[in-house]
Amino acid sequence: MNKRWTGELALLAYILITVKSGSEREFLKEISEFKEVVEANLVIGENDIVIKINVKDIAQLDKFLTDKLRVLPDVFLTTTMIITEQFKTKQA
């Protein structure tokens, strides 16, 4: 069953993060404590970390990105992908 975001519920997004080399694990521990973060993963590739967040709306997404995430000193780059439809959310 697919779930389509209607605006009535929370806004979900993936954020790909590139951080200062060597700070990945400590950074991941720090942002895992943010209430908006529902999933946090260390990855190998162009980015270092991928998080999934749950916020109320676009304004709260902007506030999270601007006031909480991008102000952290080890952040070099972020890419945000808003989830519009989920087809499978089963945990492994």
PDB file of N, CA and C in Angstrom:
ATOM      1  N   MET A   1       0.842  -1.185   0.000  1.00  0.00           N
ATOM      2  CA  MET A   1       0.000   0.000   0.000  1.00  0.00           C
ATOM      3  C   MET A   1       0.883   1.243   0.000  1.00  0.00           C
ATOM      4  N   ASN A   2       0.571   2.166  -0.873  1.00  0.00           N
ATOM      5  CA  ASN A   2       1.357   3.392  -0.858  1.00  0.00           C
ATOM      6  C   ASN A   2       0.667   4.456  -0.012  1.00  0.00           C
ATOM      7  N   LYS A   3       1.484   5.313   0.577  1.00  0.00           N
ATOM      8  CA  LYS A   3       0.968   6.394   1.408  1.00  0.00           C
ATOM      9  C   LYS A   3       1.366   7.698   0.753  1.00  0.00           C
ATOM     10  N   ARG A   4       0.420   8.528   0.464  1.00  0.00           N
ATOM     11  CA  ARG A   4       0.678   9.803  -0.196  1.00  0.00           C
ATOM     12  C   ARG A   4       0.573  10.902   0.837  1.00  0.00           C
ATOM     13  N   TRP A   5       1.556  11.803   0.822  1.00  0.00           N
ATOM     14  CA  TRP A   5       1.536  12.928   1.751  1.00  0.00           C
ATOM     15  C   TRP A   5       0.481  13.917   1.302  1.00  0.00           C
ATOM     16  N   THR A   6      -0.439  14.262   2.193  1.00  0.00           N
ATOM     17  CA  THR A   6      -1.550  15.145   1.848  1.00  0.00           C
ATOM     18  C   THR A   6      -1.417  16.526   2.465  1.00  0.00           C
ATOM     19  N   GLY A   7      -0.402  16.723   3.281  1.00  0.00           N
ATOM     20  CA  GLY A   7      -0.264  18.010   3.945  1.00  0.00           C
ATOM     21  C   GLY A   7      -0.947  18.015   5.299  1.00  0.00           C
ATOM     22  N   GLU A   8      -1.794  17.028   5.555  1.00  0.00           N
ATOM     23  CA  GLU A   8      -2.503  16.957   6.828  1.00  0.00           C
ATOM     24  C   GLU A   8      -1.618  16.373   7.918  1.00  0.00           C
ATOM     25  N   LEU A   9      -0.676  15.532   7.522  1.00  0.00           N
ATOM     26  CA  LEU A   9       0.197  14.889   8.480  1.00  0.00           C
ATOM     27  C   LEU A   9       1.549  15.561   8.463  1.00  0.00           C
ATOM     28  N   ALA A  10       2.509  14.912   9.022  1.00  0.00           N
ATOM     29  CA  ALA A  10       3.863  15.453   9.081  1.00  0.00           C
ATOM     30  C   ALA A  10       4.536  15.411   7.719  1.00  0.00           C
ATOM     31  N   LEU A  11       5.528  16.254   7.560  1.00  0.00           N
ATOM     32  CA  LEU A  11       6.345  16.273   6.359  1.00  0.00           C
ATOM     33  C   LEU A  11       7.584  15.439   6.634  1.00  0.00           C
ATOM     34  N   LEU A  12       7.863  14.497   5.755  1.00  0.00           N
ATOM     35  CA  LEU A  12       9.039  13.649   5.881  1.00  0.00           C
ATOM     36  C   LEU A  12      10.052  14.043   4.818  1.00  0.00           C
ATOM     37  N   ALA A  13      11.322  13.993   5.170  1.00  0.00           N
ATOM     38  CA  ALA A  13      12.374  14.325   4.206  1.00  0.00           C
ATOM     39  C   ALA A  13      13.639  13.569   4.538  1.00  0.00           C
ATOM     40  N   TYR A  14      14.396  13.267   3.481  1.00  0.00           N
ATOM     41  CA  TYR A  14      15.744  12.753   3.638  1.00  0.00           C
ATOM     42  C   TYR A  14      16.695  13.920   3.474  1.00  0.00           C
ATOM     43  N   ILE A  15      17.731  13.954   4.298  1.00  0.00           N
ATOM     44  CA  ILE A  15      18.757  14.982   4.170  1.00  0.00           C
ATOM     45  C   ILE A  15      20.100  14.274   4.063  1.00  0.00           C
ATOM     46  N   LEU A  16      20.791  14.530   2.958  1.00  0.00           N
ATOM     47  CA  LEU A  16      22.122  13.992   2.728  1.00  0.00           C
ATOM     48  C   LEU A  16      23.113  15.032   3.225  1.00  0.00           C
ATOM     49  N   ILE A  17      24.069  14.600   4.029  1.00  0.00           N
ATOM     50  CA  ILE A  17      24.971  15.544   4.686  1.00  0.00           C
ATOM     51  C   ILE A  17      26.419  15.155   4.429  1.00  0.00           C
ATOM     52  N   THR A  18      27.227  16.136   4.061  1.00  0.00           N
ATOM     53  CA  THR A  18      28.663  15.962   3.959  1.00  0.00           C
ATOM     54  C   THR A  18      29.291  16.752   5.099  1.00  0.00           C
ATOM     55  N   VAL A  19      30.154  16.084   5.861  1.00  0.00           N
ATOM     56  CA  VAL A  19      30.756  16.715   7.035  1.00  0.00           C
ATOM     57  C   VAL A  19      32.283  16.683   6.931  1.00  0.00           C
ATOM     58  N   LYS A  20      32.919  17.389   7.850  1.00  0.00           N
ATOM     59  CA  LYS A  20      34.381  17.410   7.937  1.00  0.00           C
ATOM     60  C   LYS A  20      34.907  15.993   8.135  1.00  0.00           C
ATOM     61  N   SER A  21      35.935  15.648   7.378  1.00  0.00           N
ATOM     62  CA  SER A  21      36.528  14.320   7.455  1.00  0.00           C
ATOM     63  C   SER A  21      36.971  13.998   8.874  1.00  0.00           C
ATOM     64  N   GLY A  22      36.589  12.806   9.337  1.00  0.00           N
ATOM     65  CA  GLY A  22      36.947  12.369  10.676  1.00  0.00           C
ATOM     66  C   GLY A  22      35.902  12.670  11.732  1.00  0.00           C
ATOM     67  N   SER A  23      34.910  13.505  11.399  1.00  0.00           N
ATOM     68  CA  SER A  23      33.896  13.881  12.391  1.00  0.00           C
ATOM     69  C   SER A  23      32.589  13.108  12.220  1.00  0.00           C
ATOM     70  N   GLU A  24      32.551  12.187  11.271  1.00  0.00           N
ATOM     71  CA  GLU A  24      31.301  11.529  10.896  1.00  0.00           C
ATOM     72  C   GLU A  24      30.576  10.861  12.063  1.00  0.00           C
ATOM     73  N   ARG A  25      31.256  10.012  12.798  1.00  0.00           N
ATOM     74  CA  ARG A  25      30.580   9.260  13.871  1.00  0.00           C
ATOM     75  C   ARG A  25      30.124  10.149  15.014  1.00  0.00           C
ATOM     76  N   GLU A  26      30.959  11.079  15.416  1.00  0.00           N
ATOM     77  CA  GLU A  26      30.581  11.998  16.497  1.00  0.00           C
ATOM     78  C   GLU A  26      29.414  12.887  16.065  1.00  0.00           C
ATOM     79  N   PHE A  27      29.463  13.352  14.824  1.00  0.00           N
ATOM     80  CA  PHE A  27      28.390  14.181  14.277  1.00  0.00           C
ATOM     81  C   PHE A  27      27.081  13.390  14.243  1.00  0.00           C
ATOM     82  N   LEU A  28      27.160  12.144  13.805  1.00  0.00           N
ATOM     83  CA  LEU A  28      25.980  11.279  13.735  1.00  0.00           C
ATOM     84  C   LEU A  28      25.362  11.088  15.117  1.00  0.00           C
ATOM     85  N   LYS A  29      26.188  10.874  16.117  1.00  0.00           N
ATOM     86  CA  LYS A  29      25.679  10.740  17.492  1.00  0.00           C
ATOM     87  C   LYS A  29      24.957  12.012  17.930  1.00  0.00           C
ATOM     88  N   GLU A  30      25.544  13.165  17.608  1.00  0.00           N
ATOM     89  CA  GLU A  30      24.961  14.449  18.007  1.00  0.00           C
ATOM     90  C   GLU A  30      23.601  14.679  17.362  1.00  0.00           C
ATOM     91  N   ILE A  31      23.507  14.515  16.049  1.00  0.00           N
ATOM     92  CA  ILE A  31      22.240  14.819  15.388  1.00  0.00           C
ATOM     93  C   ILE A  31      21.182  13.751  15.628  1.00  0.00           C
ATOM     94  N   SER A  32      21.601  12.556  16.023  1.00  0.00           N
ATOM     95  CA  SER A  32      20.632  11.508  16.346  1.00  0.00           C
ATOM     96  C   SER A  32      19.759  11.893  17.536  1.00  0.00           C
ATOM     97  N   GLU A  33      20.239  12.817  18.343  1.00  0.00           N
ATOM     98  CA  GLU A  33      19.486  13.272  19.516  1.00  0.00           C
ATOM     99  C   GLU A  33      18.418  14.316  19.170  1.00  0.00           C
ATOM    100  N   PHE A  34      18.464  14.895  17.978  1.00  0.00           N
ATOM    101  CA  PHE A  34      17.459  15.888  17.590  1.00  0.00           C
ATOM    102  C   PHE A  34      16.098  15.213  17.481  1.00  0.00           C
ATOM    103  N   LYS A  35      15.066  15.834  18.037  1.00  0.00           N
ATOM    104  CA  LYS A  35      13.727  15.230  18.050  1.00  0.00           C
ATOM    105  C   LYS A  35      13.168  15.016  16.646  1.00  0.00           C
ATOM    106  N   GLU A  36      13.582  15.823  15.683  1.00  0.00           N
ATOM    107  CA  GLU A  36      13.077  15.711  14.317  1.00  0.00           C
ATOM    108  C   GLU A  36      13.650  14.511  13.570  1.00  0.00           C
ATOM    109  N   VAL A  37      14.788  14.017  14.007  1.00  0.00           N
ATOM    110  CA  VAL A  37      15.480  12.924  13.321  1.00  0.00           C
ATOM    111  C   VAL A  37      14.857  11.588  13.710  1.00  0.00           C
ATOM    112  N   VAL A  38      14.311  10.881  12.713  1.00  0.00           N
ATOM    113  CA  VAL A  38      13.694   9.582  12.966  1.00  0.00           C
ATOM    114  C   VAL A  38      14.568   8.435  12.469  1.00  0.00           C
ATOM    115  N   GLU A  39      15.573   8.750  11.672  1.00  0.00           N
ATOM    116  CA  GLU A  39      16.503   7.751  11.164  1.00  0.00           C
ATOM    117  C   GLU A  39      17.821   8.458  10.864  1.00  0.00           C
ATOM    118  N   ALA A  40      18.933   7.814  11.190  1.00  0.00           N
ATOM    119  CA  ALA A  40      20.246   8.412  10.946  1.00  0.00           C
ATOM    120  C   ALA A  40      21.222   7.315  10.547  1.00  0.00           C
ATOM    121  N   ASN A  41      21.899   7.512   9.420  1.00  0.00           N
ATOM    122  CA  ASN A  41      22.767   6.472   8.875  1.00  0.00           C
ATOM    123  C   ASN A  41      24.092   7.045   8.403  1.00  0.00           C
ATOM    124  N   LEU A  42      25.168   6.331   8.703  1.00  0.00           N
ATOM    125  CA  LEU A  42      26.488   6.621   8.162  1.00  0.00           C
ATOM    126  C   LEU A  42      26.571   5.884   6.833  1.00  0.00           C
ATOM    127  N   VAL A  43      26.961   6.579   5.758  1.00  0.00           N
ATOM    128  CA  VAL A  43      26.990   5.971   4.429  1.00  0.00           C
ATOM    129  C   VAL A  43      28.345   6.196   3.759  1.00  0.00           C
ATOM    130  N   ILE A  44      28.593   5.430   2.723  1.00  0.00           N
ATOM    131  CA  ILE A  44      29.813   5.575   1.934  1.00  0.00           C
ATOM    132  C   ILE A  44      29.403   6.068   0.554  1.00  0.00           C
ATOM    133  N   GLY A  45      30.064   7.106   0.085  1.00  0.00           N
ATOM    134  CA  GLY A  45      29.746   7.669  -1.222  1.00  0.00           C
ATOM    135  C   GLY A  45      30.014   9.158  -1.215  1.00  0.00           C
ATOM    136  N   GLU A  46      29.277   9.891  -2.024  1.00  0.00           N
ATOM    137  CA  GLU A  46      29.463  11.339  -2.104  1.00  0.00           C
ATOM    138  C   GLU A  46      29.142  12.034  -0.790  1.00  0.00           C
ATOM    139  N   ASN A  47      28.183  11.501  -0.062  1.00  0.00           N
ATOM    140  CA  ASN A  47      27.786  12.055   1.226  1.00  0.00           C
ATOM    141  C   ASN A  47      28.259  11.139   2.334  1.00  0.00           C
ATOM    142  N   ASP A  48      28.268  11.674   3.551  1.00  0.00           N
ATOM    143  CA  ASP A  48      28.731  10.916   4.715  1.00  0.00           C
ATOM    144  C   ASP A  48      27.583  10.365   5.548  1.00  0.00           C
ATOM    145  N   ILE A  49      26.501  11.124   5.588  1.00  0.00           N
ATOM    146  CA  ILE A  49      25.383  10.809   6.488  1.00  0.00           C
ATOM    147  C   ILE A  49      24.072  11.052   5.749  1.00  0.00           C
ATOM    148  N   VAL A  50      23.106  10.166   5.988  1.00  0.00           N
ATOM    149  CA  VAL A  50      21.747  10.363   5.484  1.00  0.00           C
ATOM    150  C   VAL A  50      20.820  10.273   6.678  1.00  0.00           C
ATOM    151  N   ILE A  51      20.002  11.300   6.856  1.00  0.00           N
ATOM    152  CA  ILE A  51      19.013  11.275   7.928  1.00  0.00           C
ATOM    153  C   ILE A  51      17.614  11.399   7.335  1.00  0.00           C
ATOM    154  N   LYS A  52      16.658  10.884   8.054  1.00  0.00           N
ATOM    155  CA  LYS A  52      15.251  11.060   7.709  1.00  0.00           C
ATOM    156  C   LYS A  52      14.651  11.875   8.833  1.00  0.00           C
ATOM    157  N   ILE A  53      13.952  12.932   8.468  1.00  0.00           N
ATOM    158  CA  ILE A  53      13.351  13.772   9.508  1.00  0.00           C
ATOM    159  C   ILE A  53      11.838  13.824   9.342  1.00  0.00           C
ATOM    160  N   ASN A  54      11.185  14.154  10.441  1.00  0.00           N
ATOM    161  CA  ASN A  54       9.741  14.289  10.497  1.00  0.00           C
ATOM    162  C   ASN A  54       9.450  15.652  11.116  1.00  0.00           C
ATOM    163  N   VAL A  55       8.888  16.548  10.301  1.00  0.00           N
ATOM    164  CA  VAL A  55       8.549  17.890  10.774  1.00  0.00           C
ATOM    165  C   VAL A  55       7.108  18.202  10.408  1.00  0.00           C
ATOM    166  N   LYS A  56       6.586  19.273  10.969  1.00  0.00           N
ATOM    167  CA  LYS A  56       5.176  19.631  10.770  1.00  0.00           C
ATOM    168  C   LYS A  56       4.889  20.141   9.366  1.00  0.00           C
ATOM    169  N   ASP A  57       5.772  21.000   8.857  1.00  0.00           N
ATOM    170  CA  ASP A  57       5.512  21.649   7.574  1.00  0.00           C
ATOM    171  C   ASP A  57       6.802  22.226   6.996  1.00  0.00           C
ATOM    172  N   ILE A  58       6.693  22.906   5.872  1.00  0.00           N
ATOM    173  CA  ILE A  58       7.860  23.490   5.201  1.00  0.00           C
ATOM    174  C   ILE A  58       8.555  24.520   6.094  1.00  0.00           C
ATOM    175  N   ALA A  59       7.795  25.294   6.817  1.00  0.00           N
ATOM    176  CA  ALA A  59       8.392  26.298   7.708  1.00  0.00           C
ATOM    177  C   ALA A  59       9.256  25.628   8.773  1.00  0.00           C
ATOM    178  N   GLN A  60       8.776  24.523   9.329  1.00  0.00           N
ATOM    179  CA  GLN A  60       9.555  23.809  10.338  1.00  0.00           C
ATOM    180  C   GLN A  60      10.775  23.132   9.706  1.00  0.00           C
ATOM    181  N   LEU A  61      10.638  22.663   8.474  1.00  0.00           N
ATOM    182  CA  LEU A  61      11.785  22.097   7.752  1.00  0.00           C
ATOM    183  C   LEU A  61      12.860  23.170   7.579  1.00  0.00           C
ATOM    184  N   ASP A  62      12.456  24.343   7.146  1.00  0.00           N
ATOM    185  CA  ASP A  62      13.397  25.450   6.966  1.00  0.00           C
ATOM    186  C   ASP A  62      14.081  25.811   8.282  1.00  0.00           C
ATOM    187  N   LYS A  63      13.309  25.864   9.349  1.00  0.00           N
ATOM    188  CA  LYS A  63      13.866  26.187  10.669  1.00  0.00           C
ATOM    189  C   LYS A  63      14.870  25.115  11.109  1.00  0.00           C
ATOM    190  N   PHE A  64      14.546  23.843  10.887  1.00  0.00           N
ATOM    191  CA  PHE A  64      15.459  22.761  11.243  1.00  0.00           C
ATOM    192  C   PHE A  64      16.766  22.889  10.469  1.00  0.00           C
ATOM    193  N   LEU A  65      16.655  23.076   9.159  1.00  0.00           N
ATOM    194  CA  LEU A  65      17.849  23.178   8.317  1.00  0.00           C
ATOM    195  C   LEU A  65      18.698  24.399   8.676  1.00  0.00           C
ATOM    196  N   THR A  66      18.058  25.527   8.831  1.00  0.00           N
ATOM    197  CA  THR A  66      18.767  26.793   9.048  1.00  0.00           C
ATOM    198  C   THR A  66      19.278  26.957  10.469  1.00  0.00           C
ATOM    199  N   ASP A  67      18.438  26.645  11.442  1.00  0.00           N
ATOM    200  CA  ASP A  67      18.770  26.940  12.837  1.00  0.00           C
ATOM    201  C   ASP A  67      19.413  25.783  13.608  1.00  0.00           C
ATOM    202  N   LYS A  68      19.234  24.549  13.134  1.00  0.00           N
ATOM    203  CA  LYS A  68      19.776  23.415  13.885  1.00  0.00           C
ATOM    204  C   LYS A  68      20.890  22.671  13.152  1.00  0.00           C
ATOM    205  N   LEU A  69      20.692  22.397  11.869  1.00  0.00           N
ATOM    206  CA  LEU A  69      21.636  21.538  11.162  1.00  0.00           C
ATOM    207  C   LEU A  69      22.790  22.309  10.527  1.00  0.00           C
ATOM    208  N   ARG A  70      22.488  23.277   9.709  1.00  0.00           N
ATOM    209  CA  ARG A  70      23.540  23.973   8.953  1.00  0.00           C
ATOM    210  C   ARG A  70      24.424  24.869   9.803  1.00  0.00           C
ATOM    211  N   VAL A  71      24.036  25.135  11.030  1.00  0.00           N
ATOM    212  CA  VAL A  71      24.866  25.953  11.920  1.00  0.00           C
ATOM    213  C   VAL A  71      25.946  25.133  12.615  1.00  0.00           C
ATOM    214  N   LEU A  72      25.853  23.809  12.527  1.00  0.00           N
ATOM    215  CA  LEU A  72      26.857  22.958  13.158  1.00  0.00           C
ATOM    216  C   LEU A  72      28.182  23.099  12.406  1.00  0.00           C
ATOM    217  N   PRO A  73      29.273  23.250  13.133  1.00  0.00           N
ATOM    218  CA  PRO A  73      30.554  23.592  12.508  1.00  0.00           C
ATOM    219  C   PRO A  73      31.120  22.546  11.547  1.00  0.00           C
ATOM    220  N   ASP A  74      30.759  21.278  11.686  1.00  0.00           N
ATOM    221  CA  ASP A  74      31.329  20.250  10.822  1.00  0.00           C
ATOM    222  C   ASP A  74      30.571  20.050   9.508  1.00  0.00           C
ATOM    223  N   VAL A  75      29.441  20.745   9.314  1.00  0.00           N
ATOM    224  CA  VAL A  75      28.640  20.579   8.100  1.00  0.00           C
ATOM    225  C   VAL A  75      29.266  21.353   6.942  1.00  0.00           C
ATOM    226  N   PHE A  76      29.519  20.623   5.841  1.00  0.00           N
ATOM    227  CA  PHE A  76      30.007  21.258   4.614  1.00  0.00           C
ATOM    228  C   PHE A  76      28.882  21.468   3.613  1.00  0.00           C
ATOM    229  N   LEU A  77      27.984  20.473   3.502  1.00  0.00           N
ATOM    230  CA  LEU A  77      26.968  20.499   2.455  1.00  0.00           C
ATOM    231  C   LEU A  77      25.762  19.678   2.875  1.00  0.00           C
ATOM    232  N   THR A  78      24.575  20.158   2.527  1.00  0.00           N
ATOM    233  CA  THR A  78      23.359  19.369   2.737  1.00  0.00           C
ATOM    234  C   THR A  78      22.542  19.363   1.453  1.00  0.00           C
ATOM    235  N   THR A  79      21.847  18.261   1.237  1.00  0.00           N
ATOM    236  CA  THR A  79      20.897  18.136   0.133  1.00  0.00           C
ATOM    237  C   THR A  79      19.622  17.568   0.725  1.00  0.00           C
ATOM    238  N   THR A  80      18.507  18.242   0.468  1.00  0.00           N
ATOM    239  CA  THR A  80      17.230  17.833   1.058  1.00  0.00           C
ATOM    240  C   THR A  80      16.311  17.271  -0.016  1.00  0.00           C
ATOM    241  N   MET A  81      15.695  16.136   0.304  1.00  0.00           N
ATOM    242  CA  MET A  81      14.733  15.500  -0.592  1.00  0.00           C
ATOM    243  C   MET A  81      13.446  15.262   0.189  1.00  0.00           C
ATOM    244  N   ILE A  82      12.397  15.983  -0.157  1.00  0.00           N
ATOM    245  CA  ILE A  82      11.105  15.839   0.522  1.00  0.00           C
ATOM    246  C   ILE A  82      10.401  14.594  -0.011  1.00  0.00           C
ATOM    247  N   ILE A  83       9.905  13.785   0.906  1.00  0.00           N
ATOM    248  CA  ILE A  83       9.193  12.564   0.532  1.00  0.00           C
ATOM    249  C   ILE A  83       7.748  12.921   0.200  1.00  0.00           C
ATOM    250  N   THR A  84       7.315  12.539  -1.001  1.00  0.00           N
ATOM    251  CA  THR A  84       5.935  12.812  -1.410  1.00  0.00           C
ATOM    252  C   THR A  84       5.052  11.580  -1.343  1.00  0.00           C
ATOM    253  N   GLU A  85       5.688  10.401  -1.415  1.00  0.00           N
ATOM    254  CA  GLU A  85       4.918   9.163  -1.381  1.00  0.00           C
ATOM    255  C   GLU A  85       5.815   8.047  -0.843  1.00  0.00           C
ATOM    256  N   GLN A  86       5.245   7.239   0.039  1.00  0.00           N
ATOM    257  CA  GLN A  86       5.984   6.092   0.581  1.00  0.00           C
ATOM    258  C   GLN A  86       5.285   4.820   0.146  1.00  0.00           C
ATOM    259  N   PHE A  87       6.072   3.868  -0.344  1.00  0.00           N
ATOM    260  CA  PHE A  87       5.505   2.598  -0.784  1.00  0.00           C
ATOM    261  C   PHE A  87       5.805   1.467   0.177  1.00  0.00           C
ATOM    262  N   LYS A  88       6.920   1.581   0.909  1.00  0.00           N
ATOM    263  CA  LYS A  88       7.261   0.526   1.851  1.00  0.00           C
ATOM    264  C   LYS A  88       8.014   1.150   3.014  1.00  0.00           C
ATOM    265  N   THR A  89       7.562   0.872   4.218  1.00  0.00           N
ATOM    266  CA  THR A  89       8.218   1.430   5.401  1.00  0.00           C
ATOM    267  C   THR A  89       8.590   0.344   6.402  1.00  0.00           C
ATOM    268  N   LYS A  90       8.559  -0.909   5.983  1.00  0.00           N
ATOM    269  CA  LYS A  90       8.863  -2.030   6.861  1.00  0.00           C
ATOM    270  C   LYS A  90      10.307  -1.964   7.344  1.00  0.00           C
ATOM    271  N   GLN A  91      10.503  -2.188   8.630  1.00  0.00           N
ATOM    272  CA  GLN A  91      11.837  -2.242   9.218  1.00  0.00           C
ATOM    273  C   GLN A  91      12.487  -3.567   8.874  1.00  0.00           C
ATOM    274  N   ALA A  92      13.801  -3.550   8.697  1.00  0.00           N
ATOM    275  CA  ALA A  92      14.543  -4.792   8.392  1.00  0.00           C
ATOM    276  C   ALA A  92      14.629  -5.679   9.600  1.00  0.00           C
TER     277      ALA A  92
END
